[in-house]
Amino acid sequence: MVSTPIPRLWIAFCLYSCRRVNTGTAHNTRDVVLLDSKAQQTDLEWISSPPSGWEEISGLDENYTPIRTYQVCQVMEPNQNNWLRTSWIAKGAAQRIFVELKFTLRDCNSLPGVVGACKETFNLYYWETESGPGRGAGRGPGGAQYVKIDTIAADESFTQGDLGERKMKLNTELRVIGPLSRRGFYLAFQDVGACIALVSVRVYYKKCWSIIENLAVFPDTVTGSDFSSLVEVQGTCVSGAEGEASNSPRMHCSTEGEWLVPIGKCVCKAGFHQKGDSCEREYLSLMLGRFQRDFLMSG
């Protein structure tokens, strides 16, 4: 039996004209973004199965920026099973991946005639694979290769009254997957009979960015695979500096992308003095070096 969807104008209207109620979460400069659906102006062209389920549309976000979104509202018949799969996402050096979803969801009680068929949740899955697009991607969404991340519920669902007041109750949910061991992965969304607008999908990992601490350079470092892990990193002394004999410089990169627990340090060599994060040659040492160079050249 083919179900008849609720008219989808309510989703498009809200994406174009509603004012945001939920403020969501701010993006962190420690994030390395792998996928941001809001940043793509062309069609996303994710895989929808069946084709009559999830639908890609154009809209405006809460800042009136053009975006591409997906929506589904097959609530008139029970036993819905509508899948949406992203394009292949290369994970790079990451082991632990963050998935941020922003979406709106219609209150089932505000939809007439759908008691028992309408749901207010959807399911999030991932599928790890070594192959990129074109290899192994033919297997449709919903196969046994997918691992369930979580059932996603809205903190706030909206009603017909919210539409009248032009409110967009935007929900933000964050989930973590990992450790990952293959080159990349797909995300998949399973609708079981809800009215959902998937406003944005943002996938990223965290790393500690290169810094200079105690005259030592610490390189960009990807965070560890476990929630509580600290990655120990050996520092390299800046030019003109040397490490303490018994206590070489080390730092620890936390799972939140923050440098913690500095151990040891570098000190400026003889004939150098510290200026900020560098060691500069002392004036007398510099002049002596030039004199010796000129003397050798003249001889």
C-alpha atoms as a PDB file:
ATOM      1  CA  MET A   1       0.000   0.000   0.000  1.00  0.00           C
ATOM      2  CA  VAL A   2       1.301   3.430  -0.919  1.00  0.00           C
ATOM      3  CA  SER A   3       0.862   5.982   1.830  1.00  0.00           C
ATOM      4  CA  THR A   4      -0.338   9.496   1.165  1.00  0.00           C
ATOM      5  CA  PRO A   5       1.887  12.152   2.701  1.00  0.00           C
ATOM      6  CA  ILE A   6       0.638  15.110   4.652  1.00  0.00           C
ATOM      7  CA  PRO A   7       1.025  18.227   2.451  1.00  0.00           C
ATOM      8  CA  ARG A   8       4.631  19.371   2.856  1.00  0.00           C
ATOM      9  CA  LEU A   9       4.007  23.071   2.573  1.00  0.00           C
ATOM     10  CA  TRP A  10       4.333  23.389   6.357  1.00  0.00           C
ATOM     11  CA  ILE A  11       8.006  22.399   6.224  1.00  0.00           C
ATOM     12  CA  ALA A  12       8.910  24.623   3.298  1.00  0.00           C
ATOM     13  CA  PHE A  13       7.018  27.534   4.847  1.00  0.00           C
ATOM     14  CA  CYS A  14       8.882  27.178   8.112  1.00  0.00           C
ATOM     15  CA  LEU A  15      12.270  26.959   6.443  1.00  0.00           C
ATOM     16  CA  TYR A  16      11.585  30.094   4.453  1.00  0.00           C
ATOM     17  CA  SER A  17       9.842  32.346   6.945  1.00  0.00           C
ATOM     18  CA  CYS A  18       9.878  31.160  10.558  1.00  0.00           C
ATOM     19  CA  ARG A  19      11.978  32.786  13.247  1.00  0.00           C
ATOM     20  CA  ARG A  20      14.224  30.539  15.289  1.00  0.00           C
ATOM     21  CA  VAL A  21      13.389  29.658  18.888  1.00  0.00           C
ATOM     22  CA  ASN A  22      16.152  27.178  19.806  1.00  0.00           C
ATOM     23  CA  THR A  23      19.616  28.762  19.666  1.00  0.00           C
ATOM     24  CA  GLY A  24      21.527  25.491  19.121  1.00  0.00           C
ATOM     25  CA  THR A  25      25.275  25.197  19.705  1.00  0.00           C
ATOM     26  CA  ALA A  26      28.178  27.385  18.619  1.00  0.00           C
ATOM     27  CA  HIS A  27      30.868  25.953  16.366  1.00  0.00           C
ATOM     28  CA  ASN A  28      34.324  25.471  17.825  1.00  0.00           C
ATOM     29  CA  THR A  29      37.544  26.541  16.133  1.00  0.00           C
ATOM     30  CA  ARG A  30      39.081  23.214  17.215  1.00  0.00           C
ATOM     31  CA  ASP A  31      36.749  21.394  14.815  1.00  0.00           C
ATOM     32  CA  VAL A  32      37.917  19.917  11.519  1.00  0.00           C
ATOM     33  CA  VAL A  33      34.781  19.767   9.373  1.00  0.00           C
ATOM     34  CA  LEU A  34      34.281  16.722   7.138  1.00  0.00           C
ATOM     35  CA  LEU A  35      30.725  17.481   6.004  1.00  0.00           C
ATOM     36  CA  ASP A  36      28.540  20.568   6.366  1.00  0.00           C
ATOM     37  CA  SER A  37      25.321  20.345   4.373  1.00  0.00           C
ATOM     38  CA  LYS A  38      24.600  24.052   4.936  1.00  0.00           C
ATOM     39  CA  ALA A  39      27.823  25.014   3.172  1.00  0.00           C
ATOM     40  CA  GLN A  40      26.797  23.271  -0.060  1.00  0.00           C
ATOM     41  CA  GLN A  41      24.804  25.426  -2.470  1.00  0.00           C
ATOM     42  CA  THR A  42      24.269  22.737  -5.129  1.00  0.00           C
ATOM     43  CA  ASP A  43      22.101  19.626  -4.772  1.00  0.00           C
ATOM     44  CA  LEU A  44      23.262  17.250  -2.051  1.00  0.00           C
ATOM     45  CA  GLU A  45      22.059  14.245  -4.073  1.00  0.00           C
ATOM     46  CA  TRP A  46      21.954  11.863  -1.145  1.00  0.00           C
ATOM     47  CA  ILE A  47      20.319   8.470  -1.707  1.00  0.00           C
ATOM     48  CA  SER A  48      16.652   8.164  -0.705  1.00  0.00           C
ATOM     49  CA  SER A  49      15.017   4.733  -0.440  1.00  0.00           C
ATOM     50  CA  PRO A  50      12.250   4.439  -1.442  1.00  0.00           C
ATOM     51  CA  PRO A  51      12.417   7.473  -3.757  1.00  0.00           C
ATOM     52  CA  SER A  52       8.982   8.576  -2.536  1.00  0.00           C
ATOM     53  CA  GLY A  53      10.289   8.999   1.033  1.00  0.00           C
ATOM     54  CA  TRP A  54      12.841  11.687   1.857  1.00  0.00           C
ATOM     55  CA  GLU A  55      12.746  14.680  -0.491  1.00  0.00           C
ATOM     56  CA  GLU A  56      15.479  17.260  -1.112  1.00  0.00           C
ATOM     57  CA  ILE A  57      14.319  20.887  -1.159  1.00  0.00           C
ATOM     58  CA  SER A  58      15.772  24.380  -1.134  1.00  0.00           C
ATOM     59  CA  GLY A  59      15.166  26.639   1.832  1.00  0.00           C
ATOM     60  CA  LEU A  60      16.512  29.377   4.055  1.00  0.00           C
ATOM     61  CA  ASP A  61      18.094  28.809   7.442  1.00  0.00           C
ATOM     62  CA  GLU A  62      17.519  30.856  10.595  1.00  0.00           C
ATOM     63  CA  ASN A  63      19.879  33.511   9.207  1.00  0.00           C
ATOM     64  CA  TYR A  64      18.052  33.602   5.843  1.00  0.00           C
ATOM     65  CA  THR A  65      20.963  31.896   4.095  1.00  0.00           C
ATOM     66  CA  PRO A  66      20.029  29.559   1.195  1.00  0.00           C
ATOM     67  CA  ILE A  67      20.469  25.896   2.142  1.00  0.00           C
ATOM     68  CA  ARG A  68      19.649  22.421   0.845  1.00  0.00           C
ATOM     69  CA  THR A  69      17.574  20.284   3.195  1.00  0.00           C
ATOM     70  CA  TYR A  70      15.715  16.981   3.323  1.00  0.00           C
ATOM     71  CA  GLN A  71      12.176  16.420   4.559  1.00  0.00           C
ATOM     72  CA  VAL A  72       9.751  13.544   4.951  1.00  0.00           C
ATOM     73  CA  CYS A  73       6.143  13.415   6.161  1.00  0.00           C
ATOM     74  CA  GLN A  74       4.668   9.974   5.418  1.00  0.00           C
ATOM     75  CA  VAL A  75       2.342   9.765   8.413  1.00  0.00           C
ATOM     76  CA  MET A  76      -0.993   8.582   7.034  1.00  0.00           C
ATOM     77  CA  GLU A  77      -0.052   4.880   6.951  1.00  0.00           C
ATOM     78  CA  PRO A  78       1.753   2.769   9.597  1.00  0.00           C
ATOM     79  CA  ASN A  79       4.972   0.773   9.187  1.00  0.00           C
ATOM     80  CA  GLN A  80       6.982   3.444   7.415  1.00  0.00           C
ATOM     81  CA  ASN A  81      10.605   2.639   6.568  1.00  0.00           C
ATOM     82  CA  ASN A  82      12.128   5.564   4.671  1.00  0.00           C
ATOM     83  CA  TRP A  83      15.927   5.758   4.447  1.00  0.00           C
ATOM     84  CA  LEU A  84      18.264   8.587   3.529  1.00  0.00           C
ATOM     85  CA  ARG A  85      22.005   8.025   3.036  1.00  0.00           C
ATOM     86  CA  THR A  86      24.682  10.703   2.758  1.00  0.00           C
ATOM     87  CA  SER A  87      27.523  10.702   0.285  1.00  0.00           C
ATOM     88  CA  TRP A  88      30.719   8.918   1.360  1.00  0.00           C
ATOM     89  CA  ILE A  89      32.639  10.851   4.027  1.00  0.00           C
ATOM     90  CA  ALA A  90      36.429  10.467   4.168  1.00  0.00           C
ATOM     91  CA  LYS A  91      37.464  10.498   7.829  1.00  0.00           C
ATOM     92  CA  GLY A  92      41.047  11.651   7.321  1.00  0.00           C
ATOM     93  CA  ALA A  93      43.152  11.167  10.443  1.00  0.00           C
ATOM     94  CA  ALA A  94      40.157  11.043  12.780  1.00  0.00           C
ATOM     95  CA  GLN A  95      39.215   8.111  14.988  1.00  0.00           C
ATOM     96  CA  ARG A  96      36.347   9.750  16.852  1.00  0.00           C
ATOM     97  CA  ILE A  97      33.665  11.586  14.854  1.00  0.00           C
ATOM     98  CA  PHE A  98      31.040  14.099  15.980  1.00  0.00           C
ATOM     99  CA  VAL A  99      27.679  14.310  14.190  1.00  0.00           C
ATOM    100  CA  GLU A 100      25.590  17.453  14.733  1.00  0.00           C
ATOM    101  CA  LEU A 101      21.998  17.389  13.491  1.00  0.00           C
ATOM    102  CA  LYS A 102      19.633  20.344  13.274  1.00  0.00           C
ATOM    103  CA  PHE A 103      16.025  19.538  12.511  1.00  0.00           C
ATOM    104  CA  THR A 104      12.389  20.459  13.046  1.00  0.00           C
ATOM    105  CA  LEU A 105       9.687  17.931  13.899  1.00  0.00           C
ATOM    106  CA  ARG A 106       5.905  18.238  13.805  1.00  0.00           C
ATOM    107  CA  ASP A 107       3.850  17.411  16.907  1.00  0.00           C
ATOM    108  CA  CYS A 108       1.759  14.337  16.044  1.00  0.00           C
ATOM    109  CA  ASN A 109      -1.154  15.587  18.137  1.00  0.00           C
ATOM    110  CA  SER A 110      -1.421  18.607  15.849  1.00  0.00           C
ATOM    111  CA  LEU A 111      -1.948  16.405  12.765  1.00  0.00           C
ATOM    112  CA  PRO A 112      -5.557  15.204  12.363  1.00  0.00           C
ATOM    113  CA  GLY A 113      -6.290  11.584  11.536  1.00  0.00           C
ATOM    114  CA  VAL A 114      -2.834  10.125  12.140  1.00  0.00           C
ATOM    115  CA  VAL A 115      -3.234   8.645  15.632  1.00  0.00           C
ATOM    116  CA  GLY A 116      -1.094   5.515  15.946  1.00  0.00           C
ATOM    117  CA  ALA A 117       0.716   6.020  12.647  1.00  0.00           C
ATOM    118  CA  CYS A 118       2.624   9.226  13.385  1.00  0.00           C
ATOM    119  CA  LYS A 119       5.975   9.080  15.182  1.00  0.00           C
ATOM    120  CA  GLU A 120       8.120  11.768  16.798  1.00  0.00           C
ATOM    121  CA  THR A 121      11.542  10.132  16.472  1.00  0.00           C
ATOM    122  CA  PHE A 122      13.930   8.959  13.764  1.00  0.00           C
ATOM    123  CA  ASN A 123      16.988   6.694  13.771  1.00  0.00           C
ATOM    124  CA  LEU A 124      20.612   7.540  12.988  1.00  0.00           C
ATOM    125  CA  TYR A 125      23.045   4.961  11.576  1.00  0.00           C
ATOM    126  CA  TYR A 126      26.546   4.780  10.121  1.00  0.00           C
ATOM    127  CA  TRP A 127      28.359   2.380   7.822  1.00  0.00           C
ATOM    128  CA  GLU A 128      32.165   2.161   7.838  1.00  0.00           C
ATOM    129  CA  THR A 129      33.861   1.273   4.558  1.00  0.00           C
ATOM    130  CA  GLU A 130      37.242   1.421   2.864  1.00  0.00           C
ATOM    131  CA  SER A 131      35.732   2.303  -0.489  1.00  0.00           C
ATOM    132  CA  GLY A 132      34.767   5.741  -1.665  1.00  0.00           C
ATOM    133  CA  PRO A 133      32.020   6.616  -4.138  1.00  0.00           C
ATOM    134  CA  GLY A 134      31.570   4.079  -6.875  1.00  0.00           C
ATOM    135  CA  ARG A 135      32.819   1.055  -4.898  1.00  0.00           C
ATOM    136  CA  GLY A 136      30.396  -0.742  -2.624  1.00  0.00           C
ATOM    137  CA  ALA A 137      28.048   2.230  -2.678  1.00  0.00           C
ATOM    138  CA  GLY A 138      25.403   0.347  -4.606  1.00  0.00           C
ATOM    139  CA  ARG A 139      24.011  -1.387  -1.551  1.00  0.00           C
ATOM    140  CA  GLY A 140      20.919   0.513  -0.616  1.00  0.00           C
ATOM    141  CA  PRO A 141      20.185   2.185   2.708  1.00  0.00           C
ATOM    142  CA  GLY A 142      18.779  -0.057   5.384  1.00  0.00           C
ATOM    143  CA  GLY A 143      21.097  -3.013   4.833  1.00  0.00           C
ATOM    144  CA  ALA A 144      22.672  -5.110   7.568  1.00  0.00           C
ATOM    145  CA  GLN A 145      25.984  -3.258   7.158  1.00  0.00           C
ATOM    146  CA  TYR A 146      24.619  -0.245   9.050  1.00  0.00           C
ATOM    147  CA  VAL A 147      25.287   0.224  12.761  1.00  0.00           C
ATOM    148  CA  LYS A 148      22.709   2.123  14.780  1.00  0.00           C
ATOM    149  CA  ILE A 149      24.022   5.196  16.588  1.00  0.00           C
ATOM    150  CA  ASP A 150      20.854   6.283  18.377  1.00  0.00           C
ATOM    151  CA  THR A 151      17.158   7.042  18.196  1.00  0.00           C
ATOM    152  CA  ILE A 152      16.815  10.814  17.840  1.00  0.00           C
ATOM    153  CA  ALA A 153      13.949  12.638  19.541  1.00  0.00           C
ATOM    154  CA  ALA A 154      13.088  16.326  19.437  1.00  0.00           C
ATOM    155  CA  ASP A 155      13.315  18.464  22.559  1.00  0.00           C
ATOM    156  CA  GLU A 156      10.661  20.657  20.971  1.00  0.00           C
ATOM    157  CA  SER A 157       8.092  19.785  18.324  1.00  0.00           C
ATOM    158  CA  PHE A 158       5.943  22.403  16.676  1.00  0.00           C
ATOM    159  CA  THR A 159       2.227  22.724  15.976  1.00  0.00           C
ATOM    160  CA  GLN A 160      -0.081  24.548  13.606  1.00  0.00           C
ATOM    161  CA  GLY A 161      -0.144  27.396  16.138  1.00  0.00           C
ATOM    162  CA  ASP A 162       3.627  27.790  15.868  1.00  0.00           C
ATOM    163  CA  LEU A 163       3.251  28.110  12.114  1.00  0.00           C
ATOM    164  CA  GLY A 164       0.746  30.887  12.659  1.00  0.00           C
ATOM    165  CA  GLU A 165       3.230  32.699  14.900  1.00  0.00           C
ATOM    166  CA  ARG A 166       6.081  31.988  12.434  1.00  0.00           C
ATOM    167  CA  LYS A 167       8.189  30.155  15.009  1.00  0.00           C
ATOM    168  CA  MET A 168      10.749  27.560  13.969  1.00  0.00           C
ATOM    169  CA  LYS A 169      11.511  25.264  16.878  1.00  0.00           C
ATOM    170  CA  LEU A 170      14.929  24.128  15.737  1.00  0.00           C
ATOM    171  CA  ASN A 171      16.390  21.148  17.574  1.00  0.00           C
ATOM    172  CA  THR A 172      20.121  20.451  17.810  1.00  0.00           C
ATOM    173  CA  GLU A 173      21.402  16.981  18.685  1.00  0.00           C
ATOM    174  CA  LEU A 174      25.041  15.869  18.915  1.00  0.00           C
ATOM    175  CA  ARG A 175      26.224  12.260  18.740  1.00  0.00           C
ATOM    176  CA  VAL A 176      29.708  10.695  18.748  1.00  0.00           C
ATOM    177  CA  ILE A 177      30.843   7.624  16.815  1.00  0.00           C
ATOM    178  CA  GLY A 178      34.109   5.739  17.021  1.00  0.00           C
ATOM    179  CA  PRO A 179      36.740   4.609  17.226  1.00  0.00           C
ATOM    180  CA  LEU A 180      36.711   4.268  13.444  1.00  0.00           C
ATOM    181  CA  SER A 181      39.261   2.106  11.658  1.00  0.00           C
ATOM    182  CA  ARG A 182      38.389   2.362   7.952  1.00  0.00           C
ATOM    183  CA  ARG A 183      38.996   5.133   5.439  1.00  0.00           C
ATOM    184  CA  GLY A 184      35.509   6.589   5.584  1.00  0.00           C
ATOM    185  CA  PHE A 185      31.837   6.080   6.265  1.00  0.00           C
ATOM    186  CA  TYR A 186      28.254   6.879   5.318  1.00  0.00           C
ATOM    187  CA  LEU A 187      25.560   8.281   7.591  1.00  0.00           C
ATOM    188  CA  ALA A 188      21.973   7.113   7.213  1.00  0.00           C
ATOM    189  CA  PHE A 189      18.676   8.394   8.586  1.00  0.00           C
ATOM    190  CA  GLN A 190      15.678   6.103   9.025  1.00  0.00           C
ATOM    191  CA  ASP A 191      12.207   7.618   9.185  1.00  0.00           C
ATOM    192  CA  VAL A 192       9.523   5.402  10.719  1.00  0.00           C
ATOM    193  CA  GLY A 193       6.590   7.761  10.231  1.00  0.00           C
ATOM    194  CA  ALA A 194       7.445  11.275  11.424  1.00  0.00           C
ATOM    195  CA  CYS A 195       7.126  14.752   9.938  1.00  0.00           C
ATOM    196  CA  ILE A 196      10.769  15.871   9.858  1.00  0.00           C
ATOM    197  CA  ALA A 197      12.792  18.591   8.184  1.00  0.00           C
ATOM    198  CA  LEU A 198      16.498  17.752   8.397  1.00  0.00           C
ATOM    199  CA  VAL A 199      17.803  21.320   8.272  1.00  0.00           C
ATOM    200  CA  SER A 200      21.535  20.591   8.498  1.00  0.00           C
ATOM    201  CA  VAL A 201      24.048  17.806   9.034  1.00  0.00           C
ATOM    202  CA  ARG A 202      27.522  18.706  10.244  1.00  0.00           C
ATOM    203  CA  VAL A 203      30.234  16.063  10.685  1.00  0.00           C
ATOM    204  CA  TYR A 204      33.603  16.868  12.223  1.00  0.00           C
ATOM    205  CA  TYR A 205      36.437  15.743  14.444  1.00  0.00           C
ATOM    206  CA  LYS A 206      38.578  17.633  16.933  1.00  0.00           C
ATOM    207  CA  LYS A 207      42.289  18.267  17.066  1.00  0.00           C
ATOM    208  CA  CYS A 208      44.712  20.324  19.100  1.00  0.00           C
ATOM    209  CA  TRP A 209      46.150  22.999  16.848  1.00  0.00           C
ATOM    210  CA  SER A 210      49.874  23.734  16.714  1.00  0.00           C
ATOM    211  CA  ILE A 211      51.095  26.031  19.492  1.00  0.00           C
ATOM    212  CA  ILE A 212      54.328  27.259  21.085  1.00  0.00           C
ATOM    213  CA  GLU A 213      54.516  26.673  24.834  1.00  0.00           C
ATOM    214  CA  ASN A 214      57.610  27.098  27.037  1.00  0.00           C
ATOM    215  CA  LEU A 215      59.717  27.738  23.903  1.00  0.00           C
ATOM    216  CA  ALA A 216      58.647  24.387  22.424  1.00  0.00           C
ATOM    217  CA  VAL A 217      56.597  23.840  19.268  1.00  0.00           C
ATOM    218  CA  PHE A 218      53.783  21.299  19.503  1.00  0.00           C
ATOM    219  CA  PRO A 219      52.332  20.206  16.125  1.00  0.00           C
ATOM    220  CA  ASP A 220      48.701  19.744  15.106  1.00  0.00           C
ATOM    221  CA  THR A 221      47.506  16.612  16.897  1.00  0.00           C
ATOM    222  CA  VAL A 222      44.297  14.644  16.339  1.00  0.00           C
ATOM    223  CA  THR A 223      42.485  13.767  19.557  1.00  0.00           C
ATOM    224  CA  GLY A 224      42.407  10.195  20.854  1.00  0.00           C
ATOM    225  CA  SER A 225      39.803   7.539  20.157  1.00  0.00           C
ATOM    226  CA  ASP A 226      38.463   7.254  23.714  1.00  0.00           C
ATOM    227  CA  PHE A 227      36.331   9.804  25.525  1.00  0.00           C
ATOM    228  CA  SER A 228      38.849  10.221  28.361  1.00  0.00           C
ATOM    229  CA  SER A 229      42.116   9.664  26.487  1.00  0.00           C
ATOM    230  CA  LEU A 230      45.035  12.093  26.512  1.00  0.00           C
ATOM    231  CA  VAL A 231      47.530  11.971  23.643  1.00  0.00           C
ATOM    232  CA  GLU A 232      51.075  12.740  24.801  1.00  0.00           C
ATOM    233  CA  VAL A 233      53.038  14.867  22.321  1.00  0.00           C
ATOM    234  CA  GLN A 234      56.754  15.620  22.343  1.00  0.00           C
ATOM    235  CA  GLY A 235      57.638  19.261  21.705  1.00  0.00           C
ATOM    236  CA  THR A 236      60.470  20.589  19.539  1.00  0.00           C
ATOM    237  CA  CYS A 237      62.528  23.484  20.872  1.00  0.00           C
ATOM    238  CA  VAL A 238      62.412  26.700  18.865  1.00  0.00           C
ATOM    239  CA  SER A 239      65.542  27.948  17.115  1.00  0.00           C
ATOM    240  CA  GLY A 240      68.145  29.047  19.641  1.00  0.00           C
ATOM    241  CA  ALA A 241      66.660  26.946  22.448  1.00  0.00           C
ATOM    242  CA  GLU A 242      67.408  23.549  23.939  1.00  0.00           C
ATOM    243  CA  GLY A 243      65.524  21.163  26.185  1.00  0.00           C
ATOM    244  CA  GLU A 244      66.324  20.589  29.798  1.00  0.00           C
ATOM    245  CA  ALA A 245      68.554  17.538  30.096  1.00  0.00           C
ATOM    246  CA  SER A 246      66.266  15.568  32.406  1.00  0.00           C
ATOM    247  CA  ASN A 247      62.892  17.016  31.470  1.00  0.00           C
ATOM    248  CA  SER A 248      62.110  17.330  27.751  1.00  0.00           C
ATOM    249  CA  PRO A 249      59.014  19.378  26.804  1.00  0.00           C
ATOM    250  CA  ARG A 250      55.743  17.435  26.544  1.00  0.00           C
ATOM    251  CA  MET A 251      52.051  18.293  26.391  1.00  0.00           C
ATOM    252  CA  HIS A 252      48.823  16.288  26.313  1.00  0.00           C
ATOM    253  CA  CYS A 253      46.034  16.734  23.750  1.00  0.00           C
ATOM    254  CA  SER A 254      42.582  16.189  25.290  1.00  0.00           C
ATOM    255  CA  THR A 255      39.507  14.780  23.541  1.00  0.00           C
ATOM    256  CA  GLU A 256      38.066  18.311  23.413  1.00  0.00           C
ATOM    257  CA  GLY A 257      41.018  19.618  21.405  1.00  0.00           C
ATOM    258  CA  GLU A 258      42.715  21.409  24.305  1.00  0.00           C
ATOM    259  CA  TRP A 259      46.385  21.251  25.284  1.00  0.00           C
ATOM    260  CA  LEU A 260      46.773  20.131  28.907  1.00  0.00           C
ATOM    261  CA  VAL A 261      49.407  19.094  31.469  1.00  0.00           C
ATOM    262  CA  PRO A 262      52.609  20.773  30.223  1.00  0.00           C
ATOM    263  CA  ILE A 263      55.728  18.931  31.351  1.00  0.00           C
ATOM    264  CA  GLY A 264      59.282  20.211  31.004  1.00  0.00           C
ATOM    265  CA  LYS A 265      60.394  23.147  28.909  1.00  0.00           C
ATOM    266  CA  CYS A 266      63.031  24.539  26.596  1.00  0.00           C
ATOM    267  CA  VAL A 267      65.461  27.297  27.572  1.00  0.00           C
ATOM    268  CA  CYS A 268      67.444  29.688  25.437  1.00  0.00           C
ATOM    269  CA  LYS A 269      71.004  28.590  24.716  1.00  0.00           C
ATOM    270  CA  ALA A 270      74.008  30.556  25.897  1.00  0.00           C
ATOM    271  CA  GLY A 271      74.308  33.742  23.878  1.00  0.00           C
ATOM    272  CA  PHE A 272      70.518  33.945  23.355  1.00  0.00           C
ATOM    273  CA  HIS A 273      67.745  35.605  25.325  1.00  0.00           C
ATOM    274  CA  GLN A 274      64.013  34.964  25.312  1.00  0.00           C
ATOM    275  CA  LYS A 275      61.716  37.383  23.517  1.00  0.00           C
ATOM    276  CA  GLY A 276      58.127  36.227  23.486  1.00  0.00           C
ATOM    277  CA  ASP A 277      57.970  32.720  22.028  1.00  0.00           C
ATOM    278  CA  SER A 278      61.441  32.843  20.482  1.00  0.00           C
ATOM    279  CA  CYS A 279      65.106  33.052  21.409  1.00  0.00           C
ATOM    280  CA  GLU A 280      67.102  35.941  19.973  1.00  0.00           C
ATOM    281  CA  ARG A 281      70.866  36.122  19.797  1.00  0.00           C
ATOM    282  CA  GLU A 282      72.449  38.494  22.308  1.00  0.00           C
ATOM    283  CA  TYR A 283      73.870  41.658  20.727  1.00  0.00           C
ATOM    284  CA  LEU A 284      77.469  41.020  21.845  1.00  0.00           C
ATOM    285  CA  SER A 285      77.348  37.420  20.663  1.00  0.00           C
ATOM    286  CA  LEU A 286      75.935  38.571  17.348  1.00  0.00           C
ATOM    287  CA  MET A 287      78.687  41.158  16.864  1.00  0.00           C
ATOM    288  CA  LEU A 288      81.367  38.640  17.846  1.00  0.00           C
ATOM    289  CA  GLY A 289      80.010  36.168  15.326  1.00  0.00           C
ATOM    290  CA  ARG A 290      80.098  38.785  12.574  1.00  0.00           C
ATOM    291  CA  PHE A 291      83.650  39.768  13.527  1.00  0.00           C
ATOM    292  CA  GLN A 292      84.843  36.187  13.375  1.00  0.00           C
ATOM    293  CA  ARG A 293      83.145  35.681  10.018  1.00  0.00           C
ATOM    294  CA  ASP A 294      84.653  38.855   8.544  1.00  0.00           C
ATOM    295  CA  PHE A 295      88.095  37.953   9.943  1.00  0.00           C
ATOM    296  CA  LEU A 296      88.026  34.512   8.375  1.00  0.00           C
ATOM    297  CA  MET A 297      86.876  35.903   5.035  1.00  0.00           C
ATOM    298  CA  SER A 298      89.620  38.546   5.016  1.00  0.00           C
ATOM    299  CA  GLY A 299      92.292  35.983   5.817  1.00  0.00           C
END
